[in-house]
C-alpha atoms as a PDB file:
ATOM      1  CA  MET A   1      16.298  -9.820   4.272  1.00  0.00           C
ATOM      2  CA  GLU A   2      17.891  -6.405   3.673  1.00  0.00           C
ATOM      3  CA  PHE A   3      15.398  -4.466   5.780  1.00  0.00           C
ATOM      4  CA  ASP A   4      15.831  -6.821   8.712  1.00  0.00           C
ATOM      5  CA  SER A   5      19.639  -6.687   8.545  1.00  0.00           C
ATOM      6  CA  TYR A   6      19.545  -2.883   8.554  1.00  0.00           C
ATOM      7  CA  LEU A   7      17.301  -2.703  11.627  1.00  0.00           C
ATOM      8  CA  SER A   8      19.349  -5.288  13.521  1.00  0.00           C
ATOM      9  CA  LYS A   9      22.402  -3.025  13.224  1.00  0.00           C
ATOM     10  CA  LYS A  10      20.500  -0.215  14.936  1.00  0.00           C
ATOM     11  CA  GLY A  11      19.438  -2.179  18.004  1.00  0.00           C
ATOM     12  CA  THR A  12      17.560  -5.275  19.085  1.00  0.00           C
ATOM     13  CA  TYR A  13      14.993  -4.827  16.339  1.00  0.00           C
ATOM     14  CA  GLU A  14      13.468  -7.380  14.015  1.00  0.00           C
ATOM     15  CA  PHE A  15      11.458  -6.895  10.825  1.00  0.00           C
ATOM     16  CA  LEU A  16       8.552  -9.315  10.427  1.00  0.00           C
ATOM     17  CA  PRO A  17       6.839  -9.157   7.024  1.00  0.00           C
ATOM     18  CA  PHE A  18       3.376 -10.661   6.599  1.00  0.00           C
ATOM     19  CA  ASN A  19       1.403 -11.560   3.487  1.00  0.00           C
ATOM     20  CA  ASN A  20      -1.547 -12.953   5.427  1.00  0.00           C
ATOM     21  CA  ARG A  21      -3.886 -10.605   7.270  1.00  0.00           C
ATOM     22  CA  GLU A  22      -4.984 -13.184   9.840  1.00  0.00           C
ATOM     23  CA  ALA A  23      -1.390 -14.007  10.791  1.00  0.00           C
ATOM     24  CA  PHE A  24      -0.514 -10.310  10.942  1.00  0.00           C
ATOM     25  CA  GLU A  25      -3.395  -9.429  13.243  1.00  0.00           C
ATOM     26  CA  ASN A  26      -2.751 -12.505  15.371  1.00  0.00           C
ATOM     27  CA  GLN A  27       0.787 -11.199  15.953  1.00  0.00           C
ATOM     28  CA  LEU A  28      -0.600  -7.777  16.927  1.00  0.00           C
ATOM     29  CA  SER A  29      -2.823  -9.409  19.519  1.00  0.00           C
ATOM     30  CA  LYS A  30       0.240 -11.029  21.122  1.00  0.00           C
ATOM     31  CA  THR A  31       2.509  -8.004  21.463  1.00  0.00           C
ATOM     32  CA  LYS A  32       2.161  -4.272  22.009  1.00  0.00           C
ATOM     33  CA  GLN A  33       5.873  -3.467  21.807  1.00  0.00           C
ATOM     34  CA  CYS A  34       6.185  -2.966  18.085  1.00  0.00           C
ATOM     35  CA  LEU A  35       5.795  -0.507  15.233  1.00  0.00           C
ATOM     36  CA  ILE A  36       3.290  -1.353  12.540  1.00  0.00           C
ATOM     37  CA  ILE A  37       3.834  -0.437   8.897  1.00  0.00           C
ATOM     38  CA  SER A  38       0.622  -0.835   6.938  1.00  0.00           C
ATOM     39  CA  SER A  39      -1.364   0.660   4.113  1.00  0.00           C
ATOM     40  CA  GLY A  40      -3.645   3.520   5.012  1.00  0.00           C
ATOM     41  CA  TRP A  41      -6.619   1.314   4.194  1.00  0.00           C
ATOM     42  CA  HIS A  42      -5.472  -1.475   6.519  1.00  0.00           C
ATOM     43  CA  TYR A  43      -4.728   0.997   9.300  1.00  0.00           C
ATOM     44  CA  SER A  44      -8.302   2.260   9.097  1.00  0.00           C
ATOM     45  CA  GLN A  45      -9.506  -1.317   9.534  1.00  0.00           C
ATOM     46  CA  ILE A  46      -7.460  -2.178  12.626  1.00  0.00           C
ATOM     47  CA  ASN A  47      -6.570   0.988  14.548  1.00  0.00           C
ATOM     48  CA  GLU A  48      -9.512   0.881  16.944  1.00  0.00           C
ATOM     49  CA  LYS A  49      -9.349  -2.874  17.462  1.00  0.00           C
ATOM     50  CA  PHE A  50      -5.679  -2.764  18.505  1.00  0.00           C
ATOM     51  CA  SER A  51      -5.626   0.749  20.056  1.00  0.00           C
ATOM     52  CA  LEU A  52      -3.137   2.118  17.544  1.00  0.00           C
ATOM     53  CA  THR A  53      -2.040   5.697  17.038  1.00  0.00           C
ATOM     54  CA  PRO A  54      -0.335   6.972  13.850  1.00  0.00           C
ATOM     55  CA  VAL A  55       3.113   8.547  14.040  1.00  0.00           C
ATOM     56  CA  MET A  56       4.443   8.820  10.468  1.00  0.00           C
ATOM     57  CA  ALA A  57       3.299   8.568   6.866  1.00  0.00           C
ATOM     58  CA  GLY A  58       5.331   7.505   3.864  1.00  0.00           C
ATOM     59  CA  VAL A  59       6.223  10.128   1.256  1.00  0.00           C
ATOM     60  CA  ARG A  60       6.959   9.519  -2.425  1.00  0.00           C
ATOM     61  CA  LYS A  61       7.745  12.392  -4.786  1.00  0.00           C
ATOM     62  CA  GLY A  62       6.432  14.853  -2.244  1.00  0.00           C
ATOM     63  CA  LYS A  63       3.102  13.100  -1.809  1.00  0.00           C
ATOM     64  CA  THR A  64       1.692  11.145   1.129  1.00  0.00           C
ATOM     65  CA  HIS A  65      -1.350   9.895  -0.794  1.00  0.00           C
ATOM     66  CA  GLN A  66      -1.980   7.829  -3.887  1.00  0.00           C
ATOM     67  CA  LYS A  67      -4.896   6.722  -6.002  1.00  0.00           C
ATOM     68  CA  ARG A  68      -5.479   3.281  -7.402  1.00  0.00           C
ATOM     69  CA  ILE A  69      -6.521   3.367 -11.022  1.00  0.00           C
ATOM     70  CA  LEU A  70      -8.595   0.924 -13.057  1.00  0.00           C
ATOM     71  CA  ALA A  71      -6.779   0.370 -16.344  1.00  0.00           C
ATOM     72  CA  ALA A  72      -7.435  -1.638 -19.503  1.00  0.00           C
ATOM     73  CA  ASP A  73      -6.278  -1.778 -23.112  1.00  0.00           C
ATOM     74  CA  ASN A  74      -9.260  -3.222 -25.013  1.00  0.00           C
ATOM     75  CA  LEU A  75     -12.137  -1.825 -22.966  1.00  0.00           C
ATOM     76  CA  SER A  76     -13.722   1.571 -23.372  1.00  0.00           C
ATOM     77  CA  ASP A  77     -16.144   1.800 -20.454  1.00  0.00           C
ATOM     78  CA  LEU A  78     -16.697   0.766 -16.851  1.00  0.00           C
ATOM     79  CA  GLN A  79     -19.612  -1.511 -17.679  1.00  0.00           C
ATOM     80  CA  SER A  80     -17.349  -3.731 -19.768  1.00  0.00           C
ATOM     81  CA  ALA A  81     -14.718  -3.759 -17.029  1.00  0.00           C
ATOM     82  CA  ALA A  82     -17.274  -4.768 -14.400  1.00  0.00           C
ATOM     83  CA  ALA A  83     -18.236  -7.781 -16.499  1.00  0.00           C
ATOM     84  CA  GLY A  84     -14.681  -9.084 -16.898  1.00  0.00           C
ATOM     85  CA  GLN A  85     -11.842 -10.305 -14.719  1.00  0.00           C
ATOM     86  CA  ILE A  86      -9.934  -7.656 -12.755  1.00  0.00           C
ATOM     87  CA  ALA A  87      -6.328  -8.182 -11.641  1.00  0.00           C
ATOM     88  CA  SER A  88      -5.169  -6.664  -8.355  1.00  0.00           C
ATOM     89  CA  ALA A  89      -2.190  -6.956  -6.009  1.00  0.00           C
ATOM     90  CA  THR A  90      -4.043  -5.732  -2.931  1.00  0.00           C
ATOM     91  CA  SER A  91      -6.108  -7.986  -0.683  1.00  0.00           C
ATOM     92  CA  ILE A  92      -9.481  -9.148  -1.962  1.00  0.00           C
ATOM     93  CA  GLU A  93     -11.240  -7.164   0.758  1.00  0.00           C
ATOM     94  CA  HIS A  94      -9.364  -3.974  -0.079  1.00  0.00           C
ATOM     95  CA  THR A  95      -9.894  -4.500  -3.805  1.00  0.00           C
ATOM     96  CA  VAL A  96     -13.628  -4.980  -3.331  1.00  0.00           C
ATOM     97  CA  ASP A  97     -13.804  -1.724  -1.351  1.00  0.00           C
ATOM     98  CA  GLU A  98     -11.952   0.157  -4.083  1.00  0.00           C
ATOM     99  CA  LEU A  99     -14.161  -1.301  -6.798  1.00  0.00           C
ATOM    100  CA  VAL A 100     -17.333  -0.358  -4.927  1.00  0.00           C
ATOM    101  CA  PHE A 101     -16.071   3.236  -4.977  1.00  0.00           C
ATOM    102  CA  ILE A 102     -15.381   3.010  -8.720  1.00  0.00           C
ATOM    103  CA  PHE A 103     -18.406   1.035  -9.925  1.00  0.00           C
ATOM    104  CA  LYS A 104     -20.896   2.209  -7.279  1.00  0.00           C
ATOM    105  CA  GLN A 105     -21.872  -1.420  -6.837  1.00  0.00           C
ATOM    106  CA  ARG A 106     -20.361  -4.542  -5.306  1.00  0.00           C
ATOM    107  CA  ILE A 107     -18.298  -6.721  -7.621  1.00  0.00           C
ATOM    108  CA  ASP A 108     -18.257 -10.490  -7.226  1.00  0.00           C
ATOM    109  CA  PRO A 109     -14.899 -11.292  -5.520  1.00  0.00           C
ATOM    110  CA  ARG A 110     -14.555 -14.302  -7.819  1.00  0.00           C
ATOM    111  CA  LYS A 111     -13.883 -11.870 -10.662  1.00  0.00           C
ATOM    112  CA  ILE A 112     -10.733 -10.627  -8.930  1.00  0.00           C
ATOM    113  CA  LEU A 113      -7.426 -12.164 -10.008  1.00  0.00           C
ATOM    114  CA  LYS A 114      -4.939 -11.841  -7.136  1.00  0.00           C
ATOM    115  CA  VAL A 115      -1.379 -11.149  -8.305  1.00  0.00           C
ATOM    116  CA  PRO A 116       1.833 -10.405  -6.360  1.00  0.00           C
ATOM    117  CA  ARG A 117       2.528  -6.832  -7.522  1.00  0.00           C
ATOM    118  CA  ASP A 118       0.827  -3.886  -9.187  1.00  0.00           C
ATOM    119  CA  ILE A 119       3.050  -4.267 -12.236  1.00  0.00           C
ATOM    120  CA  ASP A 120       1.878  -7.887 -12.551  1.00  0.00           C
ATOM    121  CA  ALA A 121      -1.732  -6.682 -12.573  1.00  0.00           C
ATOM    122  CA  LEU A 122      -0.987  -4.323 -15.464  1.00  0.00           C
ATOM    123  CA  MET A 123       1.021  -6.942 -17.339  1.00  0.00           C
ATOM    124  CA  SER A 124      -1.830  -9.438 -17.005  1.00  0.00           C
ATOM    125  CA  VAL A 125      -3.959  -7.062 -19.072  1.00  0.00           C
ATOM    126  CA  GLY A 126      -1.331  -7.003 -21.793  1.00  0.00           C
ATOM    127  CA  ILE A 127      -1.225 -10.789 -22.143  1.00  0.00           C
ATOM    128  CA  GLY A 128      -4.988 -11.206 -21.893  1.00  0.00           C
ATOM    129  CA  ILE A 129      -5.196 -12.983 -18.544  1.00  0.00           C
ATOM    130  CA  SER A 130      -7.435 -10.231 -17.193  1.00  0.00           C
ATOM    131  CA  GLN A 131      -9.581  -7.616 -18.875  1.00  0.00           C
ATOM    132  CA  SER A 132      -8.600  -4.793 -16.518  1.00  0.00           C
ATOM    133  CA  ALA A 133      -6.258  -4.067 -13.629  1.00  0.00           C
ATOM    134  CA  LEU A 134      -6.550  -2.169 -10.374  1.00  0.00           C
ATOM    135  CA  ALA A 135      -3.124  -0.750  -9.559  1.00  0.00           C
ATOM    136  CA  ALA A 136      -1.423   2.198  -7.905  1.00  0.00           C
ATOM    137  CA  GLU A 137      -1.180   5.193 -10.201  1.00  0.00           C
ATOM    138  CA  SER A 138       2.589   5.219  -9.674  1.00  0.00           C
ATOM    139  CA  SER A 139       2.896   1.738 -11.207  1.00  0.00           C
ATOM    140  CA  LEU A 140       2.217   3.239 -14.648  1.00  0.00           C
ATOM    141  CA  GLU A 141       5.679   4.811 -14.523  1.00  0.00           C
ATOM    142  CA  LYS A 142       7.223   1.391 -13.957  1.00  0.00           C
ATOM    143  CA  LEU A 143       5.158  -0.036 -16.819  1.00  0.00           C
ATOM    144  CA  HIS A 144       6.422   2.736 -19.093  1.00  0.00           C
ATOM    145  CA  ASN A 145      10.003   1.762 -18.271  1.00  0.00           C
ATOM    146  CA  ILE A 146       9.708  -1.998 -18.727  1.00  0.00           C
ATOM    147  CA  HIS A 147       6.971  -2.323 -21.362  1.00  0.00           C
ATOM    148  CA  PRO A 148       6.535   0.955 -23.285  1.00  0.00           C
ATOM    149  CA  SER A 149       4.368  -0.604 -25.997  1.00  0.00           C
ATOM    150  CA  LEU A 150       1.801  -1.820 -23.450  1.00  0.00           C
ATOM    151  CA  PHE A 151       1.977   1.523 -21.653  1.00  0.00           C
ATOM    152  CA  LYS A 152       0.919   3.268 -24.870  1.00  0.00           C
ATOM    153  CA  LYS A 153      -2.156   1.025 -25.147  1.00  0.00           C
ATOM    154  CA  ILE A 154      -3.265   1.225 -21.530  1.00  0.00           C
ATOM    155  CA  LYS A 155      -6.284   3.414 -20.829  1.00  0.00           C
ATOM    156  CA  ILE A 156      -7.291   4.674 -17.407  1.00  0.00           C
ATOM    157  CA  LEU A 157     -11.006   3.986 -17.029  1.00  0.00           C
ATOM    158  CA  ALA A 158     -11.414   5.368 -13.510  1.00  0.00           C
ATOM    159  CA  ALA A 159      -9.565   6.322 -10.331  1.00  0.00           C
ATOM    160  CA  GLY A 160     -10.253   5.185  -6.785  1.00  0.00           C
ATOM    161  CA  ASN A 161     -10.403   7.124  -3.559  1.00  0.00           C
ATOM    162  CA  PRO A 162      -7.103   8.801  -2.487  1.00  0.00           C
ATOM    163  CA  SER A 163      -5.434   6.945   0.376  1.00  0.00           C
ATOM    164  CA  TRP A 164      -2.239   7.208   2.394  1.00  0.00           C
ATOM    165  CA  LEU A 165       0.794   5.435   0.943  1.00  0.00           C
ATOM    166  CA  LEU A 166       1.994   3.770   4.150  1.00  0.00           C
ATOM    167  CA  ILE A 167       1.261   4.499   7.788  1.00  0.00           C
ATOM    168  CA  VAL A 168       3.611   3.832  10.697  1.00  0.00           C
ATOM    169  CA  SER A 169       1.588   3.320  13.846  1.00  0.00           C
ATOM    170  CA  VAL A 170       2.186   2.129  17.379  1.00  0.00           C
ATOM    171  CA  HIS A 171       0.113   0.777  20.228  1.00  0.00           C
ATOM    172  CA  LYS A 172      -0.917   3.679  22.448  1.00  0.00           C
ATOM    173  CA  GLU A 173       0.559   2.005  25.537  1.00  0.00           C
ATOM    174  CA  PHE A 174       3.934   1.630  23.808  1.00  0.00           C
ATOM    175  CA  ARG A 175       4.133   5.148  22.340  1.00  0.00           C
ATOM    176  CA  GLN A 176       6.327   6.678  25.069  1.00  0.00           C
ATOM    177  CA  ASP A 177       8.876   3.875  24.781  1.00  0.00           C
ATOM    178  CA  ALA A 178       8.897   3.726  20.978  1.00  0.00           C
ATOM    179  CA  GLY A 179      10.978   6.853  20.380  1.00  0.00           C
ATOM    180  CA  SER A 180      14.215   5.062  19.476  1.00  0.00           C
ATOM    181  CA  ILE A 181      12.818   2.792  16.790  1.00  0.00           C
ATOM    182  CA  ILE A 182      10.687   5.620  15.373  1.00  0.00           C
ATOM    183  CA  GLU A 183      13.862   7.692  14.987  1.00  0.00           C
ATOM    184  CA  VAL A 184      15.595   4.791  13.219  1.00  0.00           C
ATOM    185  CA  LEU A 185      12.866   4.737  10.571  1.00  0.00           C
ATOM    186  CA  LYS A 186      12.591   8.516  10.362  1.00  0.00           C
ATOM    187  CA  ASN A 187      16.333   8.904   9.739  1.00  0.00           C
ATOM    188  CA  MET A 188      16.557   6.285   6.979  1.00  0.00           C
ATOM    189  CA  PRO A 189      16.767   8.833   4.112  1.00  0.00           C
ATOM    190  CA  ASP A 190      19.824  10.422   5.768  1.00  0.00           C
ATOM    191  CA  ASP A 191      21.661   7.104   6.113  1.00  0.00           C
ATOM    192  CA  PRO A 192      23.437   6.005   2.886  1.00  0.00           C
ATOM    193  CA  SER A 193      23.166   2.370   3.944  1.00  0.00           C
ATOM    194  CA  ALA A 194      19.384   2.695   4.257  1.00  0.00           C
ATOM    195  CA  GLU A 195      18.536   4.392   0.971  1.00  0.00           C
ATOM    196  CA  SER A 196      17.868   1.148  -0.886  1.00  0.00           C
ATOM    197  CA  ARG A 197      15.819  -0.169   2.049  1.00  0.00           C
ATOM    198  CA  ILE A 198      13.347   2.697   2.073  1.00  0.00           C
ATOM    199  CA  LYS A 199      13.123   2.484  -1.724  1.00  0.00           C
ATOM    200  CA  MET A 200      12.058  -1.137  -1.240  1.00  0.00           C
ATOM    201  CA  LEU A 201       8.952   0.279   0.422  1.00  0.00           C
ATOM    202  CA  GLY A 202       8.360   2.573  -2.549  1.00  0.00           C
ATOM    203  CA  LEU A 203       9.127   5.659  -0.468  1.00  0.00           C
ATOM    204  CA  ASP A 204      11.540   8.578  -0.384  1.00  0.00           C
ATOM    205  CA  ARG A 205      11.119   9.474   3.272  1.00  0.00           C
ATOM    206  CA  TRP A 206       8.785   9.503   6.281  1.00  0.00           C
ATOM    207  CA  GLU A 207       6.733  12.481   7.431  1.00  0.00           C
ATOM    208  CA  ASN A 208       5.523  13.090  10.960  1.00  0.00           C
ATOM    209  CA  ILE A 209       1.713  13.143  11.168  1.00  0.00           C
ATOM    210  CA  GLU A 210       1.400  12.805  14.910  1.00  0.00           C
ATOM    211  CA  ASP A 211      -0.601  15.606  16.531  1.00  0.00           C
ATOM    212  CA  THR A 212      -1.421  17.132  13.135  1.00  0.00           C
ATOM    213  CA  GLY A 213      -4.954  15.807  12.809  1.00  0.00           C
ATOM    214  CA  ARG A 214      -4.223  15.036   9.150  1.00  0.00           C
ATOM    215  CA  LEU A 215      -5.045  11.355   9.374  1.00  0.00           C
ATOM    216  CA  ASN A 216      -8.700  11.995  10.043  1.00  0.00           C
ATOM    217  CA  ALA A 217      -8.865  14.266   7.009  1.00  0.00           C
ATOM    218  CA  GLY A 218      -6.712  12.162   4.727  1.00  0.00           C
ATOM    219  CA  GLY A 219      -9.245  10.095   2.872  1.00  0.00           C
ATOM    220  CA  LEU A 220      -8.797   6.822   4.696  1.00  0.00           C
END
């Protein structure tokens, strides 16, 4: 993996990706000597349980926050969207939370079609697999580039609550010893060999949010 090979050149670091929340949190319970890269939503779910403190936030096009939008091509209102299948790349739990914000009611999780990426959620609308898609607002730009005809038909029905793009956090007991690896991540935009790696995360750079108090006011 490119990200792992980059980190290994900077020290005795290892990148461990997870696509299963239980496995991820089980790993956190076993070790405190690590940095955690997670969505803002996930950070808000686990920071107290694992005694985490935030140190940096991801930045894309000058922004640290994003909204998830509910999009469709053949629907004109939220009531119709609530009755149909909704594609989403985020976890079922996260998706349900976002949809409660949008619909002001709980949606049956069985109506959620889990897909690998935001662009897949939008594409599923185009081929009729789902009636609507919950995806990051930024994914519309990608859709415009790869499927302009579908982009022209897509309608934004609603927008979710703003949330942080990505949060880098650390166990409070490890914070004083985590300076080196934090600097490795922070300096990625200035390292030509790391540019593609940080783009893999959908980011341009990292921004320090430690001691700013912004996290508590950031819409998590």
